[in-house]
Amino acid sequence: MDSKVHERYLSELLGQSGLPPGLPWTSPLVRDLAWSIGSPPLVCPEDPGNLWPGGDWFRGQLSGFTAQLDALDRDAKATADLLARSHDQRLGTYFESLLALWLEHDPRYELLARNLPVRQPRKGGGRETLGELDMLVMNHALNRVEHWEVAVKFYLGRLPVIGGPAHEQWVGPGLKDRLDTKVARLLDHQLRLPEHPRARALLHKRGLKVAGSRVLMKGRLFYPLTARPGPPALAAPEHLRGWWLRIGAFPGPFKTRDWSWRCLSRREWLAPVAEVPGRQPVCLDACSFARTEAIQGASWPRMVAALSGGRELTRGFLVPDSWGTGRAAGAETAAARRPYAARGDEDS
C-alpha cells in the first residue's frame, strides 16, 4: 500500500469513537454508559424473526436518556457504587451491568429479570442448564415483554489466508473467539431459547409472555493497517472501526504525528478516553511509547489509544509479531485462559 493510499485508509479509521460529539460527560463510567446505549451496532445479519436495531434506534435511546446521564455524572460515586455490587470483572459482565443500570433508570423500560437460567432434568439425575435469557424487559412504549440478548465484542481482521475460508478471518485477540461463530450461536441457540418448552414453562410461572427478541451487540472491528480488507458480510454499516499493527512495525505510520499514546486497561475498551489532569496515566510520544516494557514485553495484543489536546483520536491493537501466524497460538491460548489482570493488561 503506497503512502498516499495508506494515509487515506488511516484517515477513514479515525474519529470512530462511538460517543456523539457535544455530550462530554466527565465520569469514565458515565461515558461508558452513554457508549453502551448510543454507539452503533456491531453486526446486522439477515434475521426477519428478531430485532437487530440500527444506529438510529440507539441514538434515539441515548437522546431520551441524556437528563439521567447528566444526573449520574454529577454523582459519579453513587453510580460507581451501584455497579460495585458485581464482583465479576469480565468486560461482558460490565457491559451487561451498564445496560441494566440504564434500564433501571429509564421510564421507557422496566428490567424484569436478568441472566435467567433455563434448566431441564438430566438423565441419571440432577439438572442441566440449557442457557440463560440475558434480559427480560418490559417495553412500555410497545406495551410488551421483550427478550434482550446483549454482548460486546472486539474482533481483529486477519490478513486473508490463501485457501482459507473468509469467515475465519475475524477473530478475538486470543484467536479463540470468532465473529461468525458468535453470531451463529445467537441465531441458532440464544434467540431460540424463549421458544423452548422449559423456557415457556419458566416464563409462565412468572406470568410472562415474551412477544419478541431484540439483540444489542456492540463493539469494534479492528482492520490491519498493512492491508485494506473489506468489512465482513455481517457487519452493520455504521460499525465502529479501529486498526491493528504488529509491535515490530510500530510506530511506523504514526511516527510523524504529534500525538500522545497510552495503553488501555480492560475497563477502557468501551468509550473513548479523555485526559483528566492528575487522574490519567502518563502519555508518551509514539517513539518513547514503542520502547516501553508494556509494548516490547507484550505477549498478548494490547489495546492502545492516541490522544491530542486531551481527546482520543484513534485506538487500535498492537499485537506481538507472531500473533496469528500459528507460531505462538499455544501461548496466546494459554494467556486467554488466565484472568485479564494476570496477563498484565490492567497495567496502563
Protein backbone atom coordinates (compact mmCIF):
# COMPACT_ATOMS: atom_id res chain seq x y z
CA MET A 1 0.00 0.00 0.00
CA ASP A 2 1.63 3.28 -1.08
CA SER A 3 1.91 6.19 1.35
CA LYS A 4 -0.97 8.25 -0.06
CA VAL A 5 -3.38 5.32 -0.06
CA HIS A 6 -2.20 4.38 3.42
CA GLU A 7 -2.85 7.92 4.66
CA ARG A 8 -6.39 7.90 3.27
CA TYR A 9 -7.02 4.49 4.80
CA LEU A 10 -5.77 5.65 8.20
CA SER A 11 -7.97 8.75 8.00
CA GLU A 12 -11.01 6.55 7.44
CA LEU A 13 -10.31 4.78 10.74
CA LEU A 14 -10.08 8.00 12.78
CA GLY A 15 -12.98 9.64 14.53
CA GLN A 16 -14.67 6.30 15.23
CA SER A 17 -15.35 6.92 18.92
CA GLY A 18 -18.98 5.86 19.12
CA LEU A 19 -19.76 8.73 21.52
CA PRO A 20 -21.69 11.58 19.90
CA PRO A 21 -19.90 14.95 19.97
CA GLY A 22 -21.24 17.70 22.17
CA LEU A 23 -22.15 15.35 25.03
CA PRO A 24 -18.97 15.48 27.12
CA TRP A 25 -19.73 13.66 30.35
CA THR A 26 -16.65 13.60 32.55
CA SER A 27 -17.09 10.41 34.56
CA PRO A 28 -15.48 7.48 32.71
CA LEU A 29 -18.24 5.22 33.98
CA VAL A 30 -20.99 7.54 32.70
CA ARG A 31 -19.18 7.82 29.38
CA ASP A 32 -19.14 4.02 29.21
CA LEU A 33 -22.85 4.02 29.97
CA ALA A 34 -23.52 6.54 27.20
CA TRP A 35 -21.38 4.49 24.79
CA SER A 36 -23.20 1.29 25.72
CA ILE A 37 -26.53 2.92 24.90
CA GLY A 38 -25.72 5.18 21.95
CA SER A 39 -22.92 3.55 19.98
CA PRO A 40 -23.90 1.83 16.71
CA PRO A 41 -24.39 -1.94 16.49
CA LEU A 42 -21.52 -4.20 15.51
CA VAL A 43 -23.47 -6.52 13.23
CA CYS A 44 -26.78 -6.62 11.40
CA PRO A 45 -27.42 -10.10 9.95
CA GLU A 46 -30.46 -11.08 7.92
CA ASP A 47 -32.87 -12.29 10.59
CA PRO A 48 -36.53 -11.43 9.98
CA GLY A 49 -37.61 -13.21 13.15
CA ASN A 50 -35.85 -10.90 15.61
CA LEU A 51 -34.96 -7.24 16.06
CA TRP A 52 -31.38 -6.12 15.41
CA PRO A 53 -31.70 -2.35 15.95
CA GLY A 54 -29.70 0.02 13.77
CA GLY A 55 -27.78 3.15 14.66
CA ASP A 56 -30.85 5.41 14.57
CA TRP A 57 -32.58 3.36 17.27
CA PHE A 58 -29.56 3.50 19.57
CA ARG A 59 -29.11 7.23 19.05
CA GLY A 60 -32.77 7.70 19.90
CA GLN A 61 -32.34 5.75 23.12
CA LEU A 62 -29.38 7.92 24.11
CA SER A 63 -31.19 11.15 23.20
CA GLY A 64 -34.04 10.22 25.52
CA PHE A 65 -31.70 9.45 28.40
CA THR A 66 -29.40 12.49 28.50
CA ALA A 67 -31.05 14.07 31.55
CA GLN A 68 -30.46 10.91 33.56
CA LEU A 69 -26.86 10.75 32.34
CA ASP A 70 -26.32 14.35 33.44
CA ALA A 71 -27.63 13.47 36.91
CA LEU A 72 -25.49 10.35 37.13
CA ASP A 73 -22.43 12.35 36.02
CA ARG A 74 -22.97 14.80 38.87
CA ASP A 75 -22.97 11.92 41.36
CA ALA A 76 -20.45 9.55 39.78
CA LYS A 77 -19.55 7.95 43.13
CA ALA A 78 -23.12 6.78 43.67
CA THR A 79 -23.15 5.43 40.11
CA ALA A 80 -19.91 3.53 40.74
CA ASP A 81 -21.38 2.11 43.96
CA LEU A 82 -24.34 0.74 42.01
CA LEU A 83 -22.01 -1.21 39.73
CA ALA A 84 -19.67 -2.26 42.54
CA ARG A 85 -22.23 -4.82 43.63
CA SER A 86 -20.82 -7.18 40.99
CA HIS A 87 -17.51 -8.89 41.74
CA ASP A 88 -17.25 -10.26 38.19
CA GLN A 89 -14.63 -8.16 36.39
CA ARG A 90 -15.21 -9.57 32.91
CA LEU A 91 -15.86 -6.91 30.29
CA GLY A 92 -19.04 -8.61 29.09
CA THR A 93 -20.45 -8.56 32.61
CA TYR A 94 -19.52 -4.89 32.98
CA PHE A 95 -21.33 -4.12 29.71
CA GLU A 96 -24.42 -6.01 30.88
CA SER A 97 -24.34 -4.13 34.19
CA LEU A 98 -24.24 -0.81 32.35
CA LEU A 99 -27.28 -1.75 30.29
CA ALA A 100 -29.09 -2.91 33.43
CA LEU A 101 -28.29 0.45 35.05
CA TRP A 102 -29.78 2.18 32.02
CA LEU A 103 -32.99 0.16 32.12
CA GLU A 104 -33.38 0.69 35.87
CA HIS A 105 -33.29 4.49 35.37
CA ASP A 106 -35.22 4.83 32.09
CA PRO A 107 -39.01 5.14 32.50
CA ARG A 108 -39.49 3.78 28.96
CA TYR A 109 -38.44 0.33 30.19
CA GLU A 110 -38.58 -2.00 33.16
CA LEU A 111 -35.98 -4.70 33.75
CA LEU A 112 -37.98 -7.76 34.81
CA ALA A 113 -35.19 -10.35 35.01
CA ARG A 114 -31.52 -10.72 34.21
CA ASN A 115 -29.45 -13.83 33.40
CA LEU A 116 -32.43 -16.10 33.93
CA PRO A 117 -31.24 -19.74 33.66
CA VAL A 118 -33.34 -22.27 31.76
CA ARG A 119 -32.82 -25.82 33.08
CA GLN A 120 -34.14 -29.29 32.47
CA PRO A 121 -33.74 -32.64 34.27
CA ARG A 122 -30.59 -34.51 33.38
CA LYS A 123 -30.66 -38.20 32.55
CA GLY A 124 -29.33 -40.03 35.57
CA GLY A 125 -30.34 -37.28 37.98
CA GLY A 126 -29.69 -33.63 38.54
CA ARG A 127 -30.40 -30.77 36.19
CA GLU A 128 -28.61 -29.28 33.22
CA THR A 129 -28.65 -25.67 32.08
CA LEU A 130 -29.87 -25.13 28.53
CA GLY A 131 -28.85 -21.48 28.54
CA GLU A 132 -29.71 -18.12 30.02
CA LEU A 133 -32.07 -15.36 28.97
CA ASP A 134 -29.85 -12.29 29.24
CA MET A 135 -32.64 -9.81 29.98
CA LEU A 136 -36.41 -9.75 30.11
CA VAL A 137 -37.56 -6.19 29.53
CA MET A 138 -40.96 -4.53 29.67
CA ASN A 139 -41.12 -2.11 26.75
CA HIS A 140 -43.73 0.41 27.90
CA ALA A 141 -43.93 2.17 24.54
CA LEU A 142 -44.94 -1.07 22.82
CA ASN A 143 -46.69 -2.49 25.90
CA ARG A 144 -44.97 -5.84 25.59
CA VAL A 145 -42.33 -8.04 27.22
CA GLU A 146 -39.15 -8.48 25.18
CA HIS A 147 -36.20 -10.84 25.47
CA TRP A 148 -32.92 -8.95 25.02
CA GLU A 149 -29.65 -10.65 24.18
CA VAL A 150 -26.67 -8.38 24.82
CA ALA A 151 -22.97 -8.71 24.00
CA VAL A 152 -19.88 -6.59 23.48
CA LYS A 153 -17.16 -7.96 21.22
CA PHE A 154 -13.86 -6.88 19.67
CA TYR A 155 -12.55 -8.65 16.58
CA LEU A 156 -9.39 -8.25 14.53
CA GLY A 157 -9.42 -8.84 10.79
CA ARG A 158 -6.57 -11.17 9.94
CA LEU A 159 -4.92 -10.95 6.57
CA PRO A 160 -6.53 -13.42 4.15
CA VAL A 161 -5.02 -16.88 4.24
CA ILE A 162 -4.61 -18.47 0.83
CA GLY A 163 -7.26 -21.16 0.54
CA GLY A 164 -8.67 -20.33 3.95
CA PRO A 165 -12.38 -19.60 4.46
CA ALA A 166 -13.23 -15.92 4.67
CA HIS A 167 -15.40 -16.36 7.76
CA GLU A 168 -12.36 -17.34 9.83
CA GLN A 169 -10.62 -14.01 9.31
CA TRP A 170 -12.37 -12.01 12.08
CA VAL A 171 -11.12 -13.26 15.44
CA GLY A 172 -10.80 -12.11 19.03
CA PRO A 173 -7.43 -11.05 20.46
CA GLY A 174 -6.93 -14.56 21.87
CA LEU A 175 -7.68 -16.18 18.49
CA LYS A 176 -10.37 -18.43 20.02
CA ASP A 177 -13.47 -16.30 19.54
CA ARG A 178 -14.78 -15.68 16.01
CA LEU A 179 -17.35 -13.23 14.73
CA ASP A 180 -19.22 -15.75 12.60
CA THR A 181 -19.48 -18.35 15.37
CA LYS A 182 -20.75 -15.76 17.86
CA VAL A 183 -23.50 -14.62 15.50
CA ALA A 184 -24.37 -18.24 14.65
CA ARG A 185 -24.69 -19.01 18.37
CA LEU A 186 -27.06 -16.07 18.77
CA LEU A 187 -29.20 -17.09 15.80
CA ASP A 188 -29.26 -20.84 16.36
CA HIS A 189 -29.43 -21.05 20.15
CA GLN A 190 -29.78 -17.93 22.26
CA LEU A 191 -32.57 -16.28 20.27
CA ARG A 192 -34.49 -19.55 20.07
CA LEU A 193 -34.28 -20.24 23.79
CA PRO A 194 -37.54 -18.42 24.73
CA GLU A 195 -39.42 -20.87 22.49
CA HIS A 196 -38.08 -23.96 24.29
CA PRO A 197 -40.77 -25.74 26.32
CA ARG A 198 -38.72 -25.39 29.51
CA ALA A 199 -38.32 -21.66 28.93
CA ARG A 200 -42.01 -21.25 28.21
CA ALA A 201 -42.90 -23.07 31.41
CA LEU A 202 -40.49 -20.90 33.39
CA LEU A 203 -41.93 -17.71 31.92
CA HIS A 204 -45.48 -18.91 32.51
CA LYS A 205 -44.72 -19.40 36.20
CA ARG A 206 -43.63 -15.76 36.29
CA GLY A 207 -46.76 -14.64 34.47
CA LEU A 208 -44.75 -13.52 31.45
CA LYS A 209 -45.18 -14.00 27.72
CA VAL A 210 -42.31 -12.87 25.52
CA ALA A 211 -43.53 -11.03 22.43
CA GLY A 212 -40.18 -10.79 20.66
CA SER A 213 -36.39 -10.75 20.94
CA ARG A 214 -34.01 -7.85 20.49
CA VAL A 215 -30.21 -8.08 20.06
CA LEU A 216 -27.87 -5.39 21.41
CA MET A 217 -24.42 -6.38 20.15
CA LYS A 218 -21.82 -3.63 20.40
CA GLY A 219 -18.07 -3.49 19.95
CA ARG A 220 -15.50 -2.67 17.32
CA LEU A 221 -13.79 -4.25 14.32
CA PHE A 222 -10.04 -3.69 14.00
CA TYR A 223 -8.65 -3.60 10.47
CA PRO A 224 -5.00 -4.36 9.61
CA LEU A 225 -3.04 -1.23 8.76
CA THR A 226 -0.84 -3.13 6.32
CA ALA A 227 -3.75 -4.10 4.06
CA ARG A 228 -7.23 -2.90 3.28
CA PRO A 229 -9.75 -5.73 3.61
CA GLY A 230 -13.43 -5.13 3.20
CA PRO A 231 -15.76 -5.45 6.18
CA PRO A 232 -17.30 -8.83 6.97
CA ALA A 233 -20.69 -9.50 5.41
CA LEU A 234 -22.34 -9.49 8.84
CA ALA A 235 -21.06 -6.03 9.81
CA ALA A 236 -23.51 -3.21 10.39
CA PRO A 237 -22.92 -0.28 8.01
CA GLU A 238 -22.09 2.11 10.88
CA HIS A 239 -19.96 -0.29 12.93
CA LEU A 240 -17.07 1.21 14.87
CA ARG A 241 -13.61 0.66 13.42
CA GLY A 242 -10.10 0.55 14.75
CA TRP A 243 -6.80 -0.78 13.44
CA TRP A 244 -4.13 -3.27 14.39
CA LEU A 245 -0.42 -3.36 13.76
CA ARG A 246 2.42 -5.67 14.74
CA ILE A 247 4.65 -4.32 17.50
CA GLY A 248 7.70 -4.56 15.27
CA ALA A 249 6.09 -2.16 12.78
CA PHE A 250 5.12 0.47 15.38
CA PRO A 251 5.27 3.47 15.40
CA GLY A 252 5.69 3.29 11.60
CA PRO A 253 2.75 5.25 10.11
CA PHE A 254 2.27 7.22 13.34
CA LYS A 255 5.87 8.36 13.76
CA THR A 256 5.39 11.86 12.34
CA ARG A 257 2.13 12.57 14.18
CA ASP A 258 2.23 14.80 17.23
CA TRP A 259 0.09 12.52 19.37
CA SER A 260 0.39 11.09 22.86
CA TRP A 261 -0.04 7.36 23.41
CA ARG A 262 -1.00 5.05 26.25
CA CYS A 263 -2.24 1.52 26.85
CA LEU A 264 -5.88 1.00 27.71
CA SER A 265 -6.97 -1.19 30.60
CA ARG A 266 -9.79 -3.65 30.00
CA ARG A 267 -12.34 -1.28 31.53
CA GLU A 268 -11.31 1.37 28.97
CA TRP A 269 -12.21 -0.69 25.92
CA LEU A 270 -15.68 0.88 25.58
CA ALA A 271 -15.98 4.69 25.45
CA PRO A 272 -13.22 6.98 24.14
CA VAL A 273 -10.84 8.12 26.86
CA ALA A 274 -10.11 11.70 27.80
CA GLU A 275 -7.23 13.18 29.74
CA VAL A 276 -8.06 14.41 33.23
CA PRO A 277 -5.11 16.13 34.97
CA GLY A 278 -3.84 14.08 37.90
CA ARG A 279 -6.12 11.13 37.18
CA GLN A 280 -4.91 9.56 33.96
CA PRO A 281 -1.73 7.59 33.25
CA VAL A 282 1.16 9.48 31.69
CA CYS A 283 1.00 9.60 27.90
CA LEU A 284 4.13 9.33 25.76
CA ASP A 285 5.08 10.22 22.22
CA ALA A 286 4.96 7.33 19.74
CA CYS A 287 8.70 6.58 19.72
CA SER A 288 9.02 6.62 23.52
CA PHE A 289 5.83 4.60 23.88
CA ALA A 290 7.14 1.95 21.47
CA ARG A 291 10.16 1.38 23.72
CA THR A 292 8.20 0.81 26.93
CA GLU A 293 8.11 -2.59 28.60
CA ALA A 294 4.33 -2.63 28.27
CA ILE A 295 4.78 -2.79 24.48
CA GLN A 296 8.12 -4.51 23.97
CA GLY A 297 7.35 -7.13 26.62
CA ALA A 298 3.77 -7.79 25.49
CA SER A 299 2.89 -11.43 24.84
CA TRP A 300 -0.75 -10.54 24.27
CA PRO A 301 -2.39 -7.92 22.00
CA ARG A 302 -2.52 -4.54 23.74
CA MET A 303 -5.26 -2.04 23.02
CA VAL A 304 -3.76 1.45 22.80
CA ALA A 305 -5.08 4.95 22.17
CA ALA A 306 -3.64 8.13 20.73
CA LEU A 307 -4.69 11.46 22.22
CA SER A 308 -4.25 15.08 21.26
CA GLY A 309 -5.48 18.08 23.20
CA GLY A 310 -6.82 15.76 25.87
CA ARG A 311 -9.13 13.96 23.41
CA GLU A 312 -8.84 10.48 21.96
CA LEU A 313 -8.19 10.47 18.22
CA THR A 314 -7.83 6.80 17.43
CA ARG A 315 -7.39 3.41 19.02
CA GLY A 316 -6.06 0.07 17.90
CA PHE A 317 -4.30 -3.13 18.89
CA LEU A 318 -0.55 -3.58 18.92
CA VAL A 319 -0.01 -7.32 18.58
CA PRO A 320 3.11 -9.50 19.04
CA ASP A 321 4.92 -10.13 15.79
CA SER A 322 4.00 -13.82 15.95
CA TRP A 323 0.29 -13.18 16.61
CA GLY A 324 -1.97 -15.13 14.29
CA THR A 325 0.87 -16.90 12.49
CA GLY A 326 0.45 -20.21 14.29
CA ARG A 327 3.89 -20.00 15.90
CA ALA A 328 2.55 -18.67 19.18
CA ALA A 329 -1.00 -19.99 19.16
CA GLY A 330 -0.40 -22.16 22.22
CA ALA A 331 0.97 -19.29 24.27
CA GLU A 332 -1.83 -16.98 23.18
CA THR A 333 -4.48 -19.56 24.03
CA ALA A 334 -2.96 -20.14 27.47
CA ALA A 335 -2.88 -16.39 28.08
CA ALA A 336 -6.52 -16.14 27.05
CA ARG A 337 -7.49 -18.55 29.83
CA ARG A 338 -5.74 -16.56 32.54
CA PRO A 339 -7.51 -13.71 34.37
CA TYR A 340 -7.05 -10.46 32.50
CA ALA A 341 -5.08 -8.80 35.28
CA ALA A 342 -2.69 -11.76 35.37
CA ARG A 343 -1.78 -11.07 31.75
CA GLY A 344 -0.60 -7.60 32.66
CA ASP A 345 -3.34 -5.88 30.71
CA GLU A 346 -4.54 -3.89 33.69
CA ASP A 347 -1.23 -2.02 33.78
CA SER A 348 -1.81 1.21 31.88
